[in-house]
N, C-alpha and C. Protein backbone atom coordinates (compact mmCIF):
# COMPACT_ATOMS: atom_id res chain seq x y z
N MET A 1 -9.26 9.52 -9.87
CA MET A 1 -8.77 8.94 -8.62
C MET A 1 -9.98 8.56 -7.78
N ASP A 2 -9.94 7.34 -7.28
CA ASP A 2 -10.99 6.84 -6.40
C ASP A 2 -10.88 7.57 -5.06
N PRO A 3 -11.93 8.24 -4.62
CA PRO A 3 -11.87 8.98 -3.35
C PRO A 3 -11.52 8.09 -2.16
N ALA A 4 -11.92 6.82 -2.19
CA ALA A 4 -11.61 5.91 -1.09
C ALA A 4 -10.11 5.64 -1.02
N VAL A 5 -9.47 5.53 -2.16
CA VAL A 5 -8.02 5.30 -2.20
C VAL A 5 -7.30 6.53 -1.67
N LEU A 6 -7.73 7.70 -2.10
CA LEU A 6 -7.10 8.93 -1.63
C LEU A 6 -7.29 9.11 -0.13
N ALA A 7 -8.49 8.82 0.37
CA ALA A 7 -8.75 8.92 1.81
C ALA A 7 -7.86 7.95 2.59
N TRP A 8 -7.71 6.73 2.06
CA TRP A 8 -6.84 5.74 2.71
C TRP A 8 -5.41 6.25 2.77
N ALA A 9 -4.93 6.79 1.65
CA ALA A 9 -3.55 7.26 1.58
C ALA A 9 -3.32 8.44 2.53
N LEU A 10 -4.27 9.35 2.60
CA LEU A 10 -4.12 10.51 3.48
C LEU A 10 -4.15 10.10 4.95
N ALA A 11 -4.76 8.96 5.25
CA ALA A 11 -4.84 8.49 6.64
C ALA A 11 -3.59 7.71 7.07
N GLN A 12 -2.69 7.45 6.14
CA GLN A 12 -1.47 6.71 6.46
C GLN A 12 -0.51 7.61 7.24
N PRO A 13 0.41 7.01 7.98
CA PRO A 13 1.37 7.81 8.76
C PRO A 13 2.18 8.76 7.88
N ALA A 14 2.44 9.94 8.41
CA ALA A 14 3.25 10.93 7.68
C ALA A 14 4.60 10.32 7.33
N GLY A 15 5.04 10.56 6.12
CA GLY A 15 6.33 10.03 5.68
C GLY A 15 6.23 8.67 5.02
N SER A 16 5.07 8.02 5.10
CA SER A 16 4.92 6.74 4.42
C SER A 16 4.81 6.98 2.91
N ARG A 17 5.05 5.95 2.16
CA ARG A 17 4.98 6.07 0.69
C ARG A 17 3.60 6.53 0.25
N ALA A 18 2.55 5.95 0.84
CA ALA A 18 1.19 6.31 0.45
C ALA A 18 0.89 7.78 0.78
N ALA A 19 1.29 8.23 1.97
CA ALA A 19 1.05 9.62 2.36
C ALA A 19 1.83 10.58 1.47
N THR A 20 3.04 10.20 1.09
CA THR A 20 3.85 11.05 0.22
C THR A 20 3.22 11.18 -1.15
N LEU A 21 2.74 10.06 -1.71
CA LEU A 21 2.07 10.10 -3.01
C LEU A 21 0.78 10.92 -2.93
N ALA A 22 0.03 10.75 -1.86
CA ALA A 22 -1.23 11.48 -1.70
C ALA A 22 -0.97 12.98 -1.59
N ALA A 23 0.07 13.36 -0.86
CA ALA A 23 0.41 14.78 -0.72
C ALA A 23 0.79 15.38 -2.08
N ALA A 24 1.53 14.63 -2.87
CA ALA A 24 1.89 15.11 -4.20
C ALA A 24 0.65 15.24 -5.07
N TYR A 25 -0.22 14.25 -5.01
CA TYR A 25 -1.45 14.26 -5.82
C TYR A 25 -2.33 15.45 -5.46
N THR A 26 -2.56 15.64 -4.16
CA THR A 26 -3.43 16.74 -3.74
C THR A 26 -2.76 18.10 -3.97
N GLY A 27 -1.44 18.11 -3.99
CA GLY A 27 -0.71 19.36 -4.26
C GLY A 27 -0.56 19.65 -5.74
N GLY A 28 -0.94 18.70 -6.57
CA GLY A 28 -0.88 18.93 -8.02
C GLY A 28 0.51 18.78 -8.62
N THR A 29 1.41 18.13 -7.91
CA THR A 29 2.76 17.93 -8.44
C THR A 29 2.95 16.48 -8.86
N THR A 30 3.82 16.27 -9.82
CA THR A 30 4.07 14.92 -10.31
C THR A 30 5.45 14.40 -9.92
N ARG A 31 6.20 15.20 -9.17
CA ARG A 31 7.53 14.77 -8.73
C ARG A 31 7.44 14.37 -7.26
N VAL A 32 7.89 13.15 -6.97
CA VAL A 32 7.80 12.61 -5.62
C VAL A 32 9.17 12.09 -5.20
N THR A 33 9.59 12.45 -3.98
CA THR A 33 10.83 11.94 -3.43
C THR A 33 10.51 11.13 -2.20
N PHE A 34 10.99 9.89 -2.19
CA PHE A 34 10.74 8.98 -1.07
C PHE A 34 11.95 8.07 -0.93
N ASP A 35 12.42 7.90 0.30
CA ASP A 35 13.58 7.06 0.57
C ASP A 35 14.79 7.45 -0.28
N GLY A 36 14.98 8.74 -0.48
CA GLY A 36 16.14 9.21 -1.22
C GLY A 36 16.05 9.05 -2.73
N ARG A 37 14.92 8.60 -3.22
CA ARG A 37 14.72 8.43 -4.67
C ARG A 37 13.66 9.40 -5.14
N THR A 38 13.86 10.00 -6.28
CA THR A 38 12.88 10.92 -6.86
C THR A 38 12.29 10.28 -8.11
N VAL A 39 10.98 10.30 -8.19
CA VAL A 39 10.26 9.77 -9.35
C VAL A 39 9.43 10.90 -9.93
N GLU A 40 9.50 11.08 -11.24
CA GLU A 40 8.70 12.07 -11.94
C GLU A 40 7.63 11.32 -12.73
N TYR A 41 6.39 11.45 -12.30
CA TYR A 41 5.27 10.82 -13.01
C TYR A 41 4.90 11.70 -14.19
N ARG A 42 4.40 11.07 -15.26
CA ARG A 42 4.05 11.82 -16.47
C ARG A 42 2.82 12.69 -16.28
N SER A 43 1.95 12.27 -15.36
CA SER A 43 0.71 13.03 -15.13
C SER A 43 0.16 12.70 -13.75
N LEU A 44 -0.80 13.49 -13.31
CA LEU A 44 -1.47 13.18 -12.05
C LEU A 44 -2.24 11.87 -12.16
N ASP A 45 -2.73 11.58 -13.35
CA ASP A 45 -3.44 10.31 -13.57
C ASP A 45 -2.51 9.13 -13.33
N GLU A 46 -1.29 9.22 -13.84
CA GLU A 46 -0.32 8.14 -13.62
C GLU A 46 0.04 8.01 -12.14
N LEU A 47 0.20 9.14 -11.46
CA LEU A 47 0.48 9.13 -10.03
C LEU A 47 -0.70 8.49 -9.29
N GLY A 48 -1.92 8.81 -9.69
CA GLY A 48 -3.10 8.21 -9.09
C GLY A 48 -3.15 6.71 -9.29
N ARG A 49 -2.74 6.24 -10.46
CA ARG A 49 -2.71 4.79 -10.72
C ARG A 49 -1.66 4.11 -9.84
N ALA A 50 -0.53 4.78 -9.62
CA ALA A 50 0.51 4.22 -8.74
C ALA A 50 -0.02 4.13 -7.32
N LEU A 51 -0.76 5.12 -6.89
CA LEU A 51 -1.34 5.12 -5.56
C LEU A 51 -2.40 4.02 -5.43
N ALA A 52 -3.20 3.84 -6.46
CA ALA A 52 -4.21 2.77 -6.45
C ALA A 52 -3.54 1.40 -6.41
N ALA A 53 -2.44 1.24 -7.13
CA ALA A 53 -1.71 -0.04 -7.11
C ALA A 53 -1.14 -0.31 -5.72
N LEU A 54 -0.61 0.72 -5.08
CA LEU A 54 -0.09 0.58 -3.73
C LEU A 54 -1.20 0.20 -2.76
N HIS A 55 -2.34 0.85 -2.91
CA HIS A 55 -3.50 0.54 -2.07
C HIS A 55 -3.94 -0.91 -2.26
N GLY A 56 -3.99 -1.35 -3.49
CA GLY A 56 -4.37 -2.74 -3.77
C GLY A 56 -3.39 -3.73 -3.18
N ALA A 57 -2.11 -3.44 -3.29
CA ALA A 57 -1.09 -4.34 -2.74
C ALA A 57 -1.16 -4.40 -1.22
N GLU A 58 -1.34 -3.25 -0.58
CA GLU A 58 -1.42 -3.20 0.88
C GLU A 58 -2.66 -3.96 1.37
N ASN A 59 -3.77 -3.76 0.70
CA ASN A 59 -5.01 -4.39 1.16
C ASN A 59 -5.08 -5.87 0.84
N SER A 60 -4.47 -6.30 -0.25
CA SER A 60 -4.48 -7.74 -0.53
C SER A 60 -3.60 -8.48 0.46
N ALA A 61 -2.51 -7.84 0.90
CA ALA A 61 -1.65 -8.46 1.90
C ALA A 61 -2.37 -8.55 3.23
N ALA A 62 -3.19 -7.57 3.54
CA ALA A 62 -3.93 -7.57 4.81
C ALA A 62 -5.05 -8.59 4.80
N ARG A 63 -5.56 -8.93 3.63
CA ARG A 63 -6.68 -9.87 3.54
C ARG A 63 -6.25 -11.33 3.43
N ARG A 64 -4.96 -11.58 3.28
CA ARG A 64 -4.51 -12.96 3.15
C ARG A 64 -4.81 -13.71 4.44
N PRO A 65 -5.41 -14.86 4.31
CA PRO A 65 -5.70 -15.62 5.53
C PRO A 65 -4.42 -16.18 6.14
N SER A 66 -4.41 -16.24 7.43
CA SER A 66 -3.26 -16.84 8.08
C SER A 66 -3.42 -18.35 8.02
N VAL A 67 -2.33 -19.04 8.07
CA VAL A 67 -2.34 -20.49 7.98
C VAL A 67 -1.88 -21.05 9.30
N THR A 68 -2.62 -21.98 9.80
CA THR A 68 -2.24 -22.66 11.04
C THR A 68 -2.00 -24.11 10.71
N LEU A 69 -0.86 -24.61 11.10
CA LEU A 69 -0.54 -26.02 10.87
C LEU A 69 -0.70 -26.77 12.18
N ALA A 70 -1.26 -27.92 12.07
CA ALA A 70 -1.45 -28.75 13.26
C ALA A 70 -0.65 -30.04 13.07
N SER A 71 -0.13 -30.51 14.15
CA SER A 71 0.63 -31.75 14.11
C SER A 71 -0.07 -32.76 15.02
N PHE A 72 -0.28 -33.92 14.50
CA PHE A 72 -0.94 -34.97 15.28
C PHE A 72 0.00 -36.15 15.42
N ALA A 73 0.07 -36.69 16.59
CA ALA A 73 0.91 -37.85 16.82
C ALA A 73 0.04 -38.97 17.38
N ARG A 74 0.35 -40.16 16.99
CA ARG A 74 -0.39 -41.31 17.56
C ARG A 74 0.13 -41.56 18.97
N GLY A 75 -0.78 -41.88 19.82
CA GLY A 75 -0.39 -42.21 21.20
C GLY A 75 0.42 -43.48 21.22
N GLY A 76 1.41 -43.52 22.04
CA GLY A 76 2.27 -44.69 22.14
C GLY A 76 1.63 -45.72 23.09
N GLY A 77 0.87 -46.64 22.56
CA GLY A 77 0.21 -47.64 23.40
C GLY A 77 1.02 -48.93 23.42
N ALA A 78 0.81 -49.74 24.45
CA ALA A 78 1.53 -50.99 24.57
C ALA A 78 0.85 -52.12 23.88
């Protein structure tokens, strides 16, 4: 597990998916319940990969540039 990913997950708000996965990982358990669903990971390594994928998805969404559209109109001259 990348320590930066784990640190990011532990810094997320309590009850978030990332914080829940991080708590399970640091607690050494592979069973995670979130939003009424329970997932049993095969290993801590698999749980760590899921956490890394979540981290990648969250950070790629944050890095997407915003798009600004401009509209130009010709002046109505006589």
